[in-house]
Amino acid sequence: MPMDVSRREFLLGAQAVAISAALSSAYAQVPAKDLATDEAFWEKIRKAYVRDAKILNLNNGGVAPAPVSVLNAELEAIRYSNLLPSYRMWHDLEPKIEDVRKMLARLWGADPECIAITRNASESLQIAQFGIDLEPGDEVLLTVQDYPRMITTWQQRERREKIVLRQLEVTSPIQDPAEIVRLYEQAITPRTKVIHISQVGYMNGQIFPVKEVCALARRHGIPSIVDGAHAFAHVPFTFPDLDCDYYGASLHKWLSAPIGTGVLYVRKERIEKHWALMAAPAAMDKNIRKFEEIGTHPAALHNGILEALQFHEAIGAERKFARLRYLKQRWATRLSKVPGAQMMVGLDPDQSGAFATIHFSGVDANKFTETLLEKHNIFTTPIVSPSFNGVRVSSNVYTSVGEIDRFCEAAEGLLKG
């Protein structure tokens, strides 16, 4: 077994998964908001993870660690595959992707034939972005707060095909989510061919009214693309509820699946006419699996998703969201009282969940986060844009209340200095 995963850690991870499953049953009748503050429950969940003891990770919005059970499943599959790759990988392991597809579909209320397994949110979304036929002058609507890689993707099509990219200005914090819907509605013209929106903004954790924006798009006959990188397995939802045409997300963020895994949802009637990012035979035109035709890749990664899904289901989506919000509210409420502090997102449940960005007047976000890491071993993320600069803080289910308080004390100390 690799040196970084000892036998003790292996057994600990397996034990923690069993405990979390048992707790899931034992606490079935406890409201999510009450369980969010039950430290005994979450201490059991914490035991499912083995982390770097030297650094407090408050950048789970980038890439989150996987529970030990997920890591073990991935490593076991890699070792098994390596004994006879050309047979074991394609004959034994690759078919198991169908179990992953079915469970993703079940938990998020989709037809399995609308779910493709990818390597990350960027790949999923670029499949959606590049696969739609557009003509010169056709317009795409999105906001200035969408993820840079997705903006870059549209900009390449703009340069190459002469489409028109229209980025809507969004203020932070948003006072009324309905204003976002109005912004999109007012921007629609006869040339609007795509509406692109983030479910949760990467800059500040803003939960966008995607259901309403997708409904707006449907009324106008415009396909909708939802960037769910920071929402999937974080904000509870189902695909029928969103009613979007395309949805892309990474699974190594809030699902804690193996690094290098993602999901793509495509509305069934759109699959046939949508071009794959990597070519697939014409016989696969109606098959969601055409979007998975990427050549040789390790089956161990996407098979490890199954363990992550089971862990997520054992905790429960509503419980997980309530806990993540509770931890965010704890630090945000405390640090908001610091003179010159401003939250860059609202704190209501329809505005923000697991993470948020806070601005400190006169403080350089880059220097602040660097000092937090150097002096206090606390890892956060600077967010710097033309509209604001601030510190993004994203905890996870394994983060303790004590660690949140430690971060607050360190931040308050730096600000006083």
Protein backbone atom coordinates (compact mmCIF):
# COMPACT_ATOMS: atom_id res chain seq x y z
CA MET A 1 0.00 0.00 0.00
CA PRO A 2 1.38 3.51 -0.78
CA MET A 3 3.21 5.23 2.08
CA ASP A 4 0.72 8.11 2.30
CA VAL A 5 -2.17 5.75 3.05
CA SER A 6 -1.24 3.53 5.97
CA ARG A 7 -3.20 0.46 6.98
CA ARG A 8 -4.50 2.38 9.99
CA GLU A 9 -5.86 5.09 7.69
CA PHE A 10 -7.38 2.44 5.44
CA LEU A 11 -9.27 0.89 8.35
CA LEU A 12 -10.19 4.29 9.72
CA GLY A 13 -11.78 5.33 6.44
CA ALA A 14 -13.77 2.11 6.15
CA GLN A 15 -14.91 2.41 9.75
CA ALA A 16 -15.97 6.04 9.26
CA VAL A 17 -18.09 5.19 6.23
CA ALA A 18 -19.86 2.50 8.21
CA ILE A 19 -20.41 4.93 11.08
CA SER A 20 -21.77 7.65 8.80
CA ALA A 21 -24.20 5.16 7.26
CA ALA A 22 -25.37 4.10 10.70
CA LEU A 23 -25.79 7.72 11.77
CA SER A 24 -27.72 8.41 8.61
CA SER A 25 -30.30 5.87 9.76
CA ALA A 26 -30.19 6.83 13.44
CA TYR A 27 -30.68 10.53 12.72
CA ALA A 28 -33.27 10.06 9.98
CA GLN A 29 -35.93 12.04 11.83
CA VAL A 30 -33.66 14.87 13.01
CA PRO A 31 -34.23 18.11 11.02
CA ALA A 32 -31.20 19.12 8.97
CA LYS A 33 -30.95 22.51 10.69
CA ASP A 34 -30.76 20.83 14.12
CA LEU A 35 -28.20 18.27 13.01
CA ALA A 36 -26.03 21.05 11.56
CA THR A 37 -24.92 21.99 15.09
CA ASP A 38 -24.51 18.45 16.42
CA GLU A 39 -20.73 18.24 16.77
CA ALA A 40 -20.83 14.56 17.79
CA PHE A 41 -22.40 13.67 14.44
CA TRP A 42 -19.91 15.67 12.40
CA GLU A 43 -16.96 14.37 14.38
CA LYS A 44 -17.84 10.92 13.03
CA ILE A 45 -17.84 12.34 9.50
CA ARG A 46 -14.46 13.98 10.12
CA LYS A 47 -12.98 10.55 10.81
CA ALA A 48 -13.64 9.52 7.22
CA TYR A 49 -10.90 11.91 6.08
CA VAL A 50 -7.13 11.93 6.53
CA ARG A 51 -5.76 15.42 5.97
CA ASP A 52 -2.57 17.45 6.23
CA ALA A 53 -2.36 18.18 9.95
CA LYS A 54 -0.09 21.19 9.42
CA ILE A 55 -2.41 23.30 7.27
CA LEU A 56 -6.05 24.23 7.83
CA ASN A 57 -7.66 23.90 4.41
CA LEU A 58 -10.31 26.56 3.81
CA ASN A 59 -10.08 26.33 0.03
CA ASN A 60 -12.33 23.34 -0.56
CA GLY A 61 -13.98 25.25 -3.39
CA GLY A 62 -10.87 24.62 -5.48
CA VAL A 63 -10.29 20.90 -5.04
CA ALA A 64 -11.48 18.98 -1.99
CA PRO A 65 -9.83 15.90 -0.49
CA ALA A 66 -11.63 12.59 -0.89
CA PRO A 67 -12.67 10.41 2.06
CA VAL A 68 -10.22 7.59 2.64
CA SER A 69 -12.77 5.06 1.36
CA VAL A 70 -12.86 6.86 -2.00
CA LEU A 71 -9.08 7.08 -2.22
CA ASN A 72 -8.72 3.40 -1.33
CA ALA A 73 -11.22 2.36 -3.99
CA GLU A 74 -9.33 4.40 -6.58
CA LEU A 75 -5.91 3.03 -5.60
CA GLU A 76 -7.17 -0.54 -5.47
CA ALA A 77 -8.58 -0.21 -8.99
CA ILE A 78 -5.32 1.31 -10.26
CA ARG A 79 -3.29 -1.57 -8.83
CA TYR A 80 -5.76 -4.13 -10.20
CA SER A 81 -5.71 -2.53 -13.64
CA ASN A 82 -1.93 -2.31 -13.73
CA LEU A 83 -1.53 -6.09 -13.51
CA LEU A 84 -3.00 -6.52 -17.00
CA PRO A 85 -4.12 -3.09 -18.26
CA SER A 86 -5.40 -3.86 -21.74
CA TYR A 87 -7.72 -6.54 -20.40
CA ARG A 88 -8.58 -5.56 -16.84
CA MET A 89 -9.10 -1.87 -17.56
CA TRP A 90 -11.41 -2.29 -20.55
CA HIS A 91 -12.97 -5.67 -19.78
CA ASP A 92 -13.38 -5.53 -15.98
CA LEU A 93 -13.29 -1.89 -14.88
CA GLU A 94 -14.65 0.24 -17.73
CA PRO A 95 -18.15 -1.35 -17.72
CA LYS A 96 -18.60 -0.26 -14.09
CA ILE A 97 -19.02 3.31 -15.29
CA GLU A 98 -22.65 2.36 -15.86
CA ASP A 99 -23.17 1.93 -12.11
CA VAL A 100 -21.82 5.43 -11.59
CA ARG A 101 -24.09 6.79 -14.31
CA LYS A 102 -27.16 5.16 -12.76
CA MET A 103 -26.44 6.41 -9.25
CA LEU A 104 -25.76 9.96 -10.40
CA ALA A 105 -29.04 9.86 -12.29
CA ARG A 106 -30.95 8.48 -9.32
CA LEU A 107 -29.66 11.01 -6.79
CA TRP A 108 -30.25 13.99 -9.07
CA GLY A 109 -33.50 12.81 -10.66
CA ALA A 110 -32.27 12.30 -14.22
CA ASP A 111 -32.53 9.69 -16.94
CA PRO A 112 -29.20 7.79 -16.95
CA GLU A 113 -29.15 8.23 -20.71
CA CYS A 114 -28.72 11.97 -20.15
CA ILE A 115 -25.64 11.64 -17.91
CA ALA A 116 -22.06 11.56 -19.23
CA ILE A 117 -18.99 11.08 -17.02
CA THR A 118 -16.19 13.54 -17.80
CA ARG A 119 -12.91 14.68 -16.26
CA ASN A 120 -13.96 18.05 -14.84
CA ALA A 121 -16.39 20.96 -15.15
CA SER A 122 -14.36 22.63 -17.88
CA GLU A 123 -14.57 19.58 -20.14
CA SER A 124 -18.29 19.19 -19.47
CA LEU A 125 -19.06 22.82 -20.16
CA GLN A 126 -16.83 23.04 -23.23
CA ILE A 127 -18.67 20.06 -24.68
CA ALA A 128 -21.84 22.11 -24.21
CA GLN A 129 -20.30 25.37 -25.46
CA PHE A 130 -18.52 24.07 -28.55
CA GLY A 131 -21.18 21.59 -29.61
CA ILE A 132 -23.95 24.10 -30.37
CA ASP A 133 -24.14 25.34 -33.97
CA LEU A 134 -23.90 29.13 -34.10
CA GLU A 135 -23.73 31.65 -36.95
CA PRO A 136 -21.86 34.96 -37.18
CA GLY A 137 -23.81 37.56 -35.22
CA ASP A 138 -25.52 35.04 -32.93
CA GLU A 139 -25.44 36.22 -29.33
CA VAL A 140 -24.51 34.41 -26.12
CA LEU A 141 -25.55 35.85 -22.75
CA LEU A 142 -23.58 35.33 -19.54
CA THR A 143 -22.25 37.50 -16.70
CA VAL A 144 -18.90 39.08 -15.87
CA GLN A 145 -18.79 36.80 -12.81
CA ASP A 146 -18.81 33.53 -14.76
CA TYR A 147 -15.75 31.32 -14.56
CA PRO A 148 -12.81 32.67 -16.62
CA ARG A 149 -12.21 29.43 -18.52
CA MET A 150 -15.83 29.37 -19.68
CA ILE A 151 -15.63 33.02 -20.72
CA THR A 152 -12.41 32.21 -22.61
CA THR A 153 -14.21 29.38 -24.41
CA TRP A 154 -16.91 31.72 -25.68
CA GLN A 155 -14.29 34.33 -26.58
CA GLN A 156 -12.51 31.80 -28.78
CA ARG A 157 -15.76 31.15 -30.65
CA GLU A 158 -16.23 34.90 -30.86
CA ARG A 159 -12.82 35.35 -32.50
CA ARG A 160 -13.12 32.33 -34.74
CA GLU A 161 -16.78 32.37 -35.76
CA LYS A 162 -17.73 36.03 -35.20
CA ILE A 163 -20.47 35.31 -32.68
CA VAL A 164 -21.29 38.05 -30.16
CA LEU A 165 -20.53 37.56 -26.47
CA ARG A 166 -22.61 39.74 -24.13
CA GLN A 167 -21.48 39.77 -20.51
CA LEU A 168 -23.97 41.21 -18.04
CA GLU A 169 -22.69 43.40 -15.22
CA VAL A 170 -23.56 41.99 -11.80
CA THR A 171 -22.97 43.95 -8.62
CA SER A 172 -21.77 42.35 -5.39
CA PRO A 173 -23.42 41.71 -3.08
CA ILE A 174 -26.65 41.09 -4.98
CA GLN A 175 -29.56 42.60 -3.09
CA ASP A 176 -32.33 40.76 -4.90
CA PRO A 177 -31.80 37.55 -6.95
CA ALA A 178 -34.80 38.52 -9.10
CA GLU A 179 -32.66 41.34 -10.47
CA ILE A 180 -30.47 38.73 -12.19
CA VAL A 181 -33.48 37.32 -13.98
CA ARG A 182 -34.44 40.82 -15.10
CA LEU A 183 -30.89 41.45 -16.38
CA TYR A 184 -31.05 38.36 -18.59
CA GLU A 185 -34.58 39.13 -19.75
CA GLN A 186 -33.72 42.69 -20.74
CA ALA A 187 -30.63 41.50 -22.64
CA ILE A 188 -32.49 39.00 -24.85
CA THR A 189 -32.71 39.95 -28.52
CA PRO A 190 -33.84 38.06 -31.64
CA ARG A 191 -30.15 37.05 -32.09
CA THR A 192 -29.80 35.49 -28.60
CA LYS A 193 -29.02 31.80 -29.14
CA VAL A 194 -27.54 30.68 -25.80
CA ILE A 195 -28.01 31.63 -22.13
CA HIS A 196 -25.11 30.64 -19.90
CA ILE A 197 -25.28 30.98 -16.10
CA SER A 198 -23.43 29.76 -13.02
CA GLN A 199 -25.50 28.03 -10.37
CA VAL A 200 -23.06 29.20 -7.69
CA GLY A 201 -20.57 31.93 -8.52
CA TYR A 202 -16.93 31.00 -7.99
CA MET A 203 -15.98 34.53 -6.93
CA ASN A 204 -18.15 34.91 -3.85
CA GLY A 205 -20.42 31.87 -3.45
CA GLN A 206 -23.49 33.67 -4.81
CA ILE A 207 -26.37 31.27 -5.48
CA PHE A 208 -27.91 32.43 -8.76
CA PRO A 209 -31.61 31.97 -9.61
CA VAL A 210 -30.87 29.33 -12.24
CA LYS A 211 -34.33 27.77 -12.17
CA GLU A 212 -35.92 31.10 -13.05
CA VAL A 213 -33.29 31.94 -15.69
CA CYS A 214 -33.68 28.50 -17.31
CA ALA A 215 -37.46 28.99 -17.34
CA LEU A 216 -36.91 32.36 -19.02
CA ALA A 217 -34.69 30.71 -21.63
CA ARG A 218 -37.28 28.01 -22.30
CA ARG A 219 -40.05 30.58 -22.81
CA HIS A 220 -37.92 32.20 -25.50
CA GLY A 221 -36.81 28.93 -27.08
CA ILE A 222 -33.17 29.54 -26.11
CA PRO A 223 -30.95 26.66 -24.89
CA SER A 224 -29.58 27.10 -21.37
CA ILE A 225 -26.16 26.04 -20.09
CA VAL A 226 -25.64 25.85 -16.32
CA ASP A 227 -22.16 25.88 -14.77
CA GLY A 228 -22.62 23.75 -11.67
CA ALA A 229 -18.96 23.41 -10.70
CA HIS A 230 -19.51 24.95 -7.26
CA ALA A 231 -23.07 23.73 -6.76
CA PHE A 232 -23.09 19.99 -7.46
CA ALA A 233 -23.32 18.01 -4.17
CA HIS A 234 -23.41 21.36 -2.37
CA VAL A 235 -26.74 23.05 -3.12
CA PRO A 236 -29.58 20.48 -3.14
CA PHE A 237 -31.42 20.27 -6.48
CA THR A 238 -32.62 17.87 -9.15
CA PHE A 239 -32.31 18.21 -12.91
CA PRO A 240 -36.09 18.19 -13.50
CA ASP A 241 -36.37 21.07 -11.03
CA LEU A 242 -33.74 23.18 -12.84
CA ASP A 243 -35.13 22.25 -16.27
CA CYS A 244 -31.89 23.25 -18.00
CA ASP A 245 -30.63 21.97 -21.35
CA TYR A 246 -26.98 21.44 -20.37
CA TYR A 247 -25.27 21.18 -16.99
CA GLY A 248 -21.58 20.68 -16.26
CA ALA A 249 -19.76 20.17 -12.97
CA SER A 250 -16.60 18.84 -11.38
CA LEU A 251 -17.04 16.00 -8.91
CA HIS A 252 -13.75 16.59 -7.09
CA LYS A 253 -15.10 19.69 -5.35
CA TRP A 254 -18.18 19.22 -3.18
CA LEU A 255 -18.76 15.53 -3.90
CA SER A 256 -15.16 14.73 -2.85
CA ALA A 257 -14.78 12.26 -5.72
CA PRO A 258 -11.36 11.39 -7.21
CA ILE A 259 -9.50 14.35 -8.68
CA GLY A 260 -10.14 14.41 -12.41
CA THR A 261 -13.84 13.53 -12.48
CA GLY A 262 -16.84 15.47 -13.71
CA VAL A 263 -20.41 15.14 -14.92
CA LEU A 264 -22.32 16.42 -17.94
CA TYR A 265 -26.11 16.46 -18.21
CA VAL A 266 -27.68 16.94 -21.64
CA ARG A 267 -31.43 17.13 -22.20
CA LYS A 268 -32.32 14.00 -24.13
CA GLU A 269 -33.79 15.67 -27.21
CA ARG A 270 -30.60 17.72 -27.63
CA ILE A 271 -28.13 14.83 -27.65
CA GLU A 272 -28.51 13.85 -31.31
CA LYS A 273 -27.85 17.29 -32.80
CA HIS A 274 -25.11 18.26 -30.34
CA TRP A 275 -21.54 17.81 -31.55
CA ALA A 276 -19.11 15.90 -29.34
CA LEU A 277 -15.90 17.68 -28.32
CA MET A 278 -13.89 14.66 -29.51
CA ALA A 279 -15.24 12.89 -32.57
CA ALA A 280 -17.51 9.87 -32.16
CA PRO A 281 -18.93 7.63 -34.92
CA ALA A 282 -22.27 8.57 -36.46
CA ALA A 283 -23.78 5.44 -34.93
CA MET A 284 -23.44 7.15 -31.54
CA ASP A 285 -25.27 10.34 -32.51
CA LYS A 286 -28.17 9.66 -30.12
CA ASN A 287 -25.99 8.14 -27.39
CA ILE A 288 -24.93 10.21 -24.37
CA ARG A 289 -21.72 8.15 -24.30
CA LYS A 290 -20.45 9.91 -27.42
CA PHE A 291 -19.38 12.71 -25.07
CA GLU A 292 -17.12 10.22 -23.25
CA GLU A 293 -15.14 9.29 -26.36
CA ILE A 294 -11.80 10.73 -25.20
CA GLY A 295 -9.43 7.84 -25.87
CA THR A 296 -7.55 5.81 -23.28
CA HIS A 297 -8.08 6.99 -19.72
CA PRO A 298 -7.93 5.41 -16.24
CA ALA A 299 -11.21 3.71 -15.38
CA ALA A 300 -10.16 3.75 -11.72
CA LEU A 301 -10.93 7.46 -11.48
CA HIS A 302 -14.52 7.40 -12.64
CA ASN A 303 -15.25 4.15 -10.80
CA GLY A 304 -14.15 5.83 -7.57
CA ILE A 305 -17.06 8.23 -7.99
CA LEU A 306 -19.37 5.46 -6.78
CA GLU A 307 -17.78 5.48 -3.30
CA ALA A 308 -18.10 9.25 -3.15
CA LEU A 309 -21.78 9.05 -4.11
CA GLN A 310 -22.45 6.50 -1.40
CA PHE A 311 -20.71 8.70 1.16
CA HIS A 312 -22.70 11.74 0.03
CA GLU A 313 -25.97 9.82 0.20
CA ALA A 314 -25.16 8.49 3.69
CA ILE A 315 -24.74 12.05 4.99
CA GLY A 316 -27.78 13.38 3.12
CA ALA A 317 -27.88 16.35 0.75
CA GLU A 318 -30.02 18.59 2.99
CA ARG A 319 -27.95 17.80 6.09
CA LYS A 320 -24.75 18.50 4.22
CA PHE A 321 -26.01 21.86 2.93
CA ALA A 322 -27.22 22.85 6.40
CA ARG A 323 -23.85 22.01 7.96
CA LEU A 324 -21.87 23.80 5.29
CA ARG A 325 -24.06 26.89 5.72
CA TYR A 326 -23.73 26.74 9.50
CA LEU A 327 -19.93 26.81 9.30
CA LYS A 328 -20.00 29.66 6.75
CA GLN A 329 -22.46 31.66 8.87
CA ARG A 330 -20.27 31.25 11.95
CA TRP A 331 -17.20 32.94 10.48
CA ALA A 332 -19.12 35.37 8.27
CA THR A 333 -21.26 36.68 11.13
CA ARG A 334 -18.21 37.16 13.35
CA LEU A 335 -15.89 38.77 10.83
CA SER A 336 -18.63 40.99 9.42
CA LYS A 337 -18.42 42.93 12.69
CA VAL A 338 -14.80 43.92 12.03
CA PRO A 339 -14.62 47.65 11.12
CA GLY A 340 -14.35 48.04 7.34
CA ALA A 341 -15.51 44.48 6.62
CA GLN A 342 -18.10 43.77 3.94
CA MET A 343 -19.54 40.45 2.86
CA MET A 344 -19.61 40.20 -0.92
CA VAL A 345 -22.66 37.93 -0.88
CA GLY A 346 -25.90 37.80 1.10
CA LEU A 347 -26.09 35.32 3.97
CA ASP A 348 -29.67 34.10 3.45
CA PRO A 349 -30.10 30.43 2.35
CA ASP A 350 -31.16 31.50 -1.16
CA GLN A 351 -28.05 33.69 -1.50
CA SER A 352 -25.11 31.62 -0.25
CA GLY A 353 -24.24 28.19 1.07
CA ALA A 354 -20.86 26.66 1.86
CA PHE A 355 -18.59 29.57 1.03
CA ALA A 356 -18.39 33.31 0.71
CA THR A 357 -15.96 36.15 0.09
CA ILE A 358 -15.31 38.95 2.56
CA HIS A 359 -13.72 42.30 1.75
CA PHE A 360 -11.66 44.25 4.28
CA SER A 361 -11.31 47.95 3.50
CA GLY A 362 -7.72 48.95 2.78
CA VAL A 363 -6.46 45.36 2.90
CA ASP A 364 -4.78 43.67 -0.06
CA ALA A 365 -6.42 40.25 -0.42
CA ASN A 366 -3.31 38.62 -1.90
CA LYS A 367 -1.07 39.77 0.95
CA PHE A 368 -3.69 38.89 3.55
CA THR A 369 -4.06 35.28 2.35
CA GLU A 370 -0.29 34.89 2.01
CA THR A 371 0.20 36.05 5.60
CA LEU A 372 -2.56 33.77 6.87
CA LEU A 373 -0.74 30.83 5.34
CA GLU A 374 2.78 31.85 6.33
CA LYS A 375 2.04 32.84 9.93
CA HIS A 376 -0.98 30.72 10.82
CA ASN A 377 -0.95 27.79 8.37
CA ILE A 378 -4.44 28.65 7.15
CA PHE A 379 -5.10 28.24 3.44
CA THR A 380 -7.71 30.57 1.88
CA THR A 381 -8.18 32.09 -1.58
CA PRO A 382 -7.77 35.71 -2.71
CA ILE A 383 -10.42 36.89 -5.15
CA VAL A 384 -9.38 40.00 -7.04
CA SER A 385 -11.48 41.57 -9.79
CA PRO A 386 -12.19 45.04 -11.16
CA SER A 387 -15.25 45.28 -8.91
CA PHE A 388 -13.81 44.08 -5.60
CA ASN A 389 -11.04 42.20 -3.82
CA GLY A 390 -11.61 39.90 -0.91
CA VAL A 391 -10.84 36.62 0.81
CA ARG A 392 -12.83 33.54 -0.22
CA VAL A 393 -13.34 31.01 2.56
CA SER A 394 -14.70 27.54 1.80
CA SER A 395 -14.88 24.95 4.58
CA ASN A 396 -16.13 21.37 4.21
CA VAL A 397 -17.95 18.66 6.15
CA TYR A 398 -14.71 17.65 7.86
CA THR A 399 -14.06 21.21 9.11
CA SER A 400 -14.68 21.66 12.84
CA VAL A 401 -16.18 24.60 14.68
CA GLY A 402 -12.87 24.96 16.49
CA GLU A 403 -11.06 25.36 13.18
CA ILE A 404 -13.52 28.03 12.06
CA ASP A 405 -12.90 29.91 15.31
CA ARG A 406 -9.14 29.52 14.86
CA PHE A 407 -9.42 31.15 11.43
CA CYS A 408 -11.49 34.01 12.86
CA GLU A 409 -8.98 34.66 15.64
CA ALA A 410 -6.09 34.68 13.16
CA ALA A 411 -7.92 37.02 10.78
CA GLU A 412 -8.87 39.39 13.58
CA GLY A 413 -5.29 39.43 14.80
CA LEU A 414 -3.91 40.28 11.36
CA LEU A 415 -6.47 43.03 10.85
CA LYS A 416 -5.60 44.62 14.17
CA GLY A 417 -1.96 44.60 13.09
